[in-house]
Amino acid sequence: MPIEAVAGEAGFGTPLGLRQQFAAQLGTTPSHYRRTFREVSRPRPAQHPPQALTFPR
């Protein structure tokens, strides 16, 4: 979600207020925090190709 929407949903008056509080509490900006976890959550390529599933008939 854009920071404007998050700020509104969380009850902050402005996105600036959210950014300031976020930085004070977590020591980083919302965009840096998001980038960090976006990179971590990206799916990684499989080491081996998946095997086909077979089911008994």
PDB file of N, CA and C in Angstrom:
ATOM      1  N   MET A   1       0.847  -1.190   0.000  1.00  0.00           N
ATOM      2  CA  MET A   1       0.000   0.000   0.000  1.00  0.00           C
ATOM      3  C   MET A   1       0.883   1.240   0.000  1.00  0.00           C
ATOM      4  N   PRO A   2       0.440   2.287  -0.626  1.00  0.00           N
ATOM      5  CA  PRO A   2       1.191   3.540  -0.571  1.00  0.00           C
ATOM      6  C   PRO A   2       1.195   4.095   0.857  1.00  0.00           C
ATOM      7  N   ILE A   3       2.227   4.841   1.194  1.00  0.00           N
ATOM      8  CA  ILE A   3       2.353   5.359   2.553  1.00  0.00           C
ATOM      9  C   ILE A   3       1.194   6.270   2.930  1.00  0.00           C
ATOM     10  N   GLU A   4       0.624   6.963   1.957  1.00  0.00           N
ATOM     11  CA  GLU A   4      -0.526   7.824   2.240  1.00  0.00           C
ATOM     12  C   GLU A   4      -1.693   7.004   2.770  1.00  0.00           C
ATOM     13  N   ALA A   5      -1.931   5.853   2.147  1.00  0.00           N
ATOM     14  CA  ALA A   5      -3.024   4.982   2.574  1.00  0.00           C
ATOM     15  C   ALA A   5      -2.735   4.370   3.943  1.00  0.00           C
ATOM     16  N   VAL A   6      -1.503   3.950   4.161  1.00  0.00           N
ATOM     17  CA  VAL A   6      -1.123   3.364   5.447  1.00  0.00           C
ATOM     18  C   VAL A   6      -1.266   4.398   6.551  1.00  0.00           C
ATOM     19  N   ALA A   7      -0.805   5.621   6.290  1.00  0.00           N
ATOM     20  CA  ALA A   7      -0.912   6.693   7.290  1.00  0.00           C
ATOM     21  C   ALA A   7      -2.366   6.941   7.655  1.00  0.00           C
ATOM     22  N   GLY A   8      -3.231   6.991   6.675  1.00  0.00           N
ATOM     23  CA  GLY A   8      -4.653   7.208   6.934  1.00  0.00           C
ATOM     24  C   GLY A   8      -5.275   6.072   7.726  1.00  0.00           C
ATOM     25  N   GLU A   9      -4.976   4.831   7.330  1.00  0.00           N
ATOM     26  CA  GLU A   9      -5.521   3.658   8.021  1.00  0.00           C
ATOM     27  C   GLU A   9      -5.021   3.565   9.463  1.00  0.00           C
ATOM     28  N   ALA A  10      -3.786   4.004   9.692  1.00  0.00           N
ATOM     29  CA  ALA A  10      -3.177   3.903  11.024  1.00  0.00           C
ATOM     30  C   ALA A  10      -3.528   5.079  11.926  1.00  0.00           C
ATOM     31  N   GLY A  11      -4.211   6.084  11.375  1.00  0.00           N
ATOM     32  CA  GLY A  11      -4.645   7.207  12.195  1.00  0.00           C
ATOM     33  C   GLY A  11      -3.666   8.364  12.275  1.00  0.00           C
ATOM     34  N   PHE A  12      -2.646   8.361  11.442  1.00  0.00           N
ATOM     35  CA  PHE A  12      -1.714   9.492  11.395  1.00  0.00           C
ATOM     36  C   PHE A  12      -2.343  10.593  10.552  1.00  0.00           C
ATOM     37  N   GLY A  13      -2.069  11.825  10.912  1.00  0.00           N
ATOM     38  CA  GLY A  13      -2.632  12.944  10.167  1.00  0.00           C
ATOM     39  C   GLY A  13      -2.055  13.071   8.773  1.00  0.00           C
ATOM     40  N   THR A  14      -0.774  12.783   8.656  1.00  0.00           N
ATOM     41  CA  THR A  14      -0.099  12.944   7.364  1.00  0.00           C
ATOM     42  C   THR A  14       0.922  11.816   7.180  1.00  0.00           C
ATOM     43  N   PRO A  15       1.334  11.567   5.940  1.00  0.00           N
ATOM     44  CA  PRO A  15       2.398  10.597   5.709  1.00  0.00           C
ATOM     45  C   PRO A  15       3.700  10.997   6.421  1.00  0.00           C
ATOM     46  N   LEU A  16       3.947  12.291   6.516  1.00  0.00           N
ATOM     47  CA  LEU A  16       5.155  12.757   7.206  1.00  0.00           C
ATOM     48  C   LEU A  16       5.144  12.308   8.667  1.00  0.00           C
ATOM     49  N   GLY A  17       3.994  12.410   9.318  1.00  0.00           N
ATOM     50  CA  GLY A  17       3.890  11.973  10.705  1.00  0.00           C
ATOM     51  C   GLY A  17       4.201  10.492  10.858  1.00  0.00           C
ATOM     52  N   LEU A  18       3.707   9.683   9.925  1.00  0.00           N
ATOM     53  CA  LEU A  18       3.999   8.254   9.948  1.00  0.00           C
ATOM     54  C   LEU A  18       5.483   8.007   9.734  1.00  0.00           C
ATOM     55  N   ARG A  19       6.075   8.677   8.751  1.00  0.00           N
ATOM     56  CA  ARG A  19       7.511   8.497   8.483  1.00  0.00           C
ATOM     57  C   ARG A  19       8.349   8.850   9.702  1.00  0.00           C
ATOM     58  N   GLN A  20       8.026   9.961  10.341  1.00  0.00           N
ATOM     59  CA  GLN A  20       8.793  10.391  11.511  1.00  0.00           C
ATOM     60  C   GLN A  20       8.659   9.389  12.654  1.00  0.00           C
ATOM     61  N   GLN A  21       7.463   8.926  12.915  1.00  0.00           N
ATOM     62  CA  GLN A  21       7.246   7.962  13.993  1.00  0.00           C
ATOM     63  C   GLN A  21       7.894   6.628  13.671  1.00  0.00           C
ATOM     64  N   PHE A  22       7.803   6.220  12.432  1.00  0.00           N
ATOM     65  CA  PHE A  22       8.412   4.966  11.984  1.00  0.00           C
ATOM     66  C   PHE A  22       9.920   5.015  12.203  1.00  0.00           C
ATOM     67  N   ALA A  23      10.554   6.115  11.770  1.00  0.00           N
ATOM     68  CA  ALA A  23      12.001   6.272  11.927  1.00  0.00           C
ATOM     69  C   ALA A  23      12.392   6.321  13.397  1.00  0.00           C
ATOM     70  N   ALA A  24      11.610   6.991  14.211  1.00  0.00           N
ATOM     71  CA  ALA A  24      11.924   7.085  15.635  1.00  0.00           C
ATOM     72  C   ALA A  24      11.834   5.715  16.314  1.00  0.00           C
ATOM     73  N   GLN A  25      10.855   4.911  15.942  1.00  0.00           N
ATOM     74  CA  GLN A  25      10.649   3.620  16.574  1.00  0.00           C
ATOM     75  C   GLN A  25      11.573   2.527  16.033  1.00  0.00           C
ATOM     76  N   LEU A  26      11.798   2.530  14.713  1.00  0.00           N
ATOM     77  CA  LEU A  26      12.529   1.429  14.090  1.00  0.00           C
ATOM     78  C   LEU A  26      13.918   1.805  13.585  1.00  0.00           C
ATOM     79  N   GLY A  27      14.221   3.092  13.571  1.00  0.00           N
ATOM     80  CA  GLY A  27      15.550   3.517  13.148  1.00  0.00           C
ATOM     81  C   GLY A  27      15.814   3.418  11.659  1.00  0.00           C
ATOM     82  N   THR A  28      14.759   3.361  10.864  1.00  0.00           N
ATOM     83  CA  THR A  28      14.899   3.297   9.408  1.00  0.00           C
ATOM     84  C   THR A  28      13.660   3.910   8.776  1.00  0.00           C
ATOM     85  N   THR A  29      13.730   4.168   7.497  1.00  0.00           N
ATOM     86  CA  THR A  29      12.572   4.734   6.804  1.00  0.00           C
ATOM     87  C   THR A  29      11.640   3.624   6.345  1.00  0.00           C
ATOM     88  N   PRO A  30      10.364   3.949   6.136  1.00  0.00           N
ATOM     89  CA  PRO A  30       9.443   2.918   5.627  1.00  0.00           C
ATOM     90  C   PRO A  30       9.890   2.332   4.288  1.00  0.00           C
ATOM     91  N   SER A  31      10.428   3.172   3.402  1.00  0.00           N
ATOM     92  CA  SER A  31      10.837   2.650   2.090  1.00  0.00           C
ATOM     93  C   SER A  31      12.025   1.704   2.212  1.00  0.00           C
ATOM     94  N   HIS A  32      12.981   2.017   3.084  1.00  0.00           N
ATOM     95  CA  HIS A  32      14.116   1.116   3.274  1.00  0.00           C
ATOM     96  C   HIS A  32      13.655  -0.200   3.897  1.00  0.00           C
ATOM     97  N   TYR A  33      12.771  -0.120   4.854  1.00  0.00           N
ATOM     98  CA  TYR A  33      12.213  -1.312   5.496  1.00  0.00           C
ATOM     99  C   TYR A  33      11.502  -2.187   4.467  1.00  0.00           C
ATOM    100  N   ARG A  34      10.699  -1.569   3.620  1.00  0.00           N
ATOM    101  CA  ARG A  34       9.959  -2.306   2.595  1.00  0.00           C
ATOM    102  C   ARG A  34      10.907  -2.981   1.608  1.00  0.00           C
ATOM    103  N   ARG A  35      11.932  -2.240   1.159  1.00  0.00           N
ATOM    104  CA  ARG A  35      12.900  -2.823   0.223  1.00  0.00           C
ATOM    105  C   ARG A  35      13.597  -4.026   0.839  1.00  0.00           C
ATOM    106  N   THR A  36      13.961  -3.928   2.101  1.00  0.00           N
ATOM    107  CA  THR A  36      14.644  -5.024   2.780  1.00  0.00           C
ATOM    108  C   THR A  36      13.799  -6.282   2.760  1.00  0.00           C
ATOM    109  N   PHE A  37      12.518  -6.166   3.096  1.00  0.00           N
ATOM    110  CA  PHE A  37      11.680  -7.350   3.167  1.00  0.00           C
ATOM    111  C   PHE A  37      11.146  -7.775   1.810  1.00  0.00           C
ATOM    112  N   ARG A  38      11.087  -6.886   0.859  1.00  0.00           N
ATOM    113  CA  ARG A  38      10.687  -7.286  -0.495  1.00  0.00           C
ATOM    114  C   ARG A  38      11.759  -8.200  -1.077  1.00  0.00           C
ATOM    115  N   GLU A  39      13.047  -7.850  -0.852  1.00  0.00           N
ATOM    116  CA  GLU A  39      14.141  -8.663  -1.366  1.00  0.00           C
ATOM    117  C   GLU A  39      14.180 -10.020  -0.683  1.00  0.00           C
ATOM    118  N   VAL A  40      13.892 -10.070   0.592  1.00  0.00           N
ATOM    119  CA  VAL A  40      13.913 -11.323   1.340  1.00  0.00           C
ATOM    120  C   VAL A  40      12.778 -12.229   0.907  1.00  0.00           C
ATOM    121  N   SER A  41      11.607 -11.666   0.611  1.00  0.00           N
ATOM    122  CA  SER A  41      10.438 -12.489   0.322  1.00  0.00           C
ATOM    123  C   SER A  41      10.316 -12.906  -1.137  1.00  0.00           C
ATOM    124  N   ARG A  42      11.204 -12.459  -1.990  1.00  0.00           N
ATOM    125  CA  ARG A  42      11.130 -12.879  -3.390  1.00  0.00           C
ATOM    126  C   ARG A  42      11.402 -14.372  -3.503  1.00  0.00           C
ATOM    127  N   PRO A  43      10.629 -15.051  -4.312  1.00  0.00           N
ATOM    128  CA  PRO A  43      10.888 -16.481  -4.482  1.00  0.00           C
ATOM    129  C   PRO A  43      12.243 -16.697  -5.141  1.00  0.00           C
ATOM    130  N   ARG A  44      12.945 -17.671  -4.664  1.00  0.00           N
ATOM    131  CA  ARG A  44      14.253 -17.993  -5.233  1.00  0.00           C
ATOM    132  C   ARG A  44      14.103 -19.161  -6.189  1.00  0.00           C
ATOM    133  N   PRO A  45      14.939 -19.194  -7.220  1.00  0.00           N
ATOM    134  CA  PRO A  45      14.842 -20.316  -8.159  1.00  0.00           C
ATOM    135  C   PRO A  45      15.137 -21.638  -7.458  1.00  0.00           C
ATOM    136  N   ALA A  46      14.445 -22.659  -7.873  1.00  0.00           N
ATOM    137  CA  ALA A  46      14.641 -23.978  -7.277  1.00  0.00           C
ATOM    138  C   ALA A  46      16.023 -24.502  -7.642  1.00  0.00           C
ATOM    139  N   GLN A  47      16.623 -25.225  -6.716  1.00  0.00           N
ATOM    140  CA  GLN A  47      17.923 -25.837  -6.968  1.00  0.00           C
ATOM    141  C   GLN A  47      17.800 -26.970  -7.991  1.00  0.00           C
ATOM    142  N   HIS A  48      16.714 -27.713  -7.885  1.00  0.00           N
ATOM    143  CA  HIS A  48      16.460 -28.828  -8.781  1.00  0.00           C
ATOM    144  C   HIS A  48      15.065 -28.646  -9.359  1.00  0.00           C
ATOM    145  N   PRO A  49      14.861 -29.028 -10.597  1.00  0.00           N
ATOM    146  CA  PRO A  49      13.514 -28.899 -11.155  1.00  0.00           C
ATOM    147  C   PRO A  49      12.530 -29.771 -10.371  1.00  0.00           C
ATOM    148  N   PRO A  50      11.315 -29.286 -10.171  1.00  0.00           N
ATOM    149  CA  PRO A  50      10.337 -30.086  -9.425  1.00  0.00           C
ATOM    150  C   PRO A  50       9.993 -31.362 -10.171  1.00  0.00           C
ATOM    151  N   GLN A  51       9.750 -32.419  -9.410  1.00  0.00           N
ATOM    152  CA  GLN A  51       9.373 -33.686 -10.011  1.00  0.00           C
ATOM    153  C   GLN A  51       7.866 -33.693 -10.220  1.00  0.00           C
ATOM    154  N   ALA A  52       7.447 -34.413 -11.242  1.00  0.00           N
ATOM    155  CA  ALA A  52       6.010 -34.515 -11.521  1.00  0.00           C
ATOM    156  C   ALA A  52       5.349 -35.335 -10.424  1.00  0.00           C
ATOM    157  N   LEU A  53       4.167 -34.918 -10.027  1.00  0.00           N
ATOM    158  CA  LEU A  53       3.404 -35.659  -9.044  1.00  0.00           C
ATOM    159  C   LEU A  53       2.634 -36.769  -9.723  1.00  0.00           C
ATOM    160  N   THR A  54       2.656 -37.949  -9.118  1.00  0.00           N
ATOM    161  CA  THR A  54       1.862 -39.048  -9.640  1.00  0.00           C
ATOM    162  C   THR A  54       0.946 -39.549  -8.543  1.00  0.00           C
ATOM    163  N   PHE A  55      -0.241 -39.890  -8.901  1.00  0.00           N
ATOM    164  CA  PHE A  55      -1.234 -40.362  -7.948  1.00  0.00           C
ATOM    165  C   PHE A  55      -1.665 -41.764  -8.336  1.00  0.00           C
ATOM    166  N   PRO A  56      -1.828 -42.637  -7.334  1.00  0.00           N
ATOM    167  CA  PRO A  56      -2.289 -43.999  -7.654  1.00  0.00           C
ATOM    168  C   PRO A  56      -3.714 -43.949  -8.191  1.00  0.00           C
ATOM    169  N   ARG A  57      -4.025 -44.890  -9.080  1.00  0.00           N
ATOM    170  CA  ARG A  57      -5.367 -44.943  -9.664  1.00  0.00           C
ATOM    171  C   ARG A  57      -6.197 -45.962  -8.976  1.00  0.00           C
TER     172      ARG A  57
END
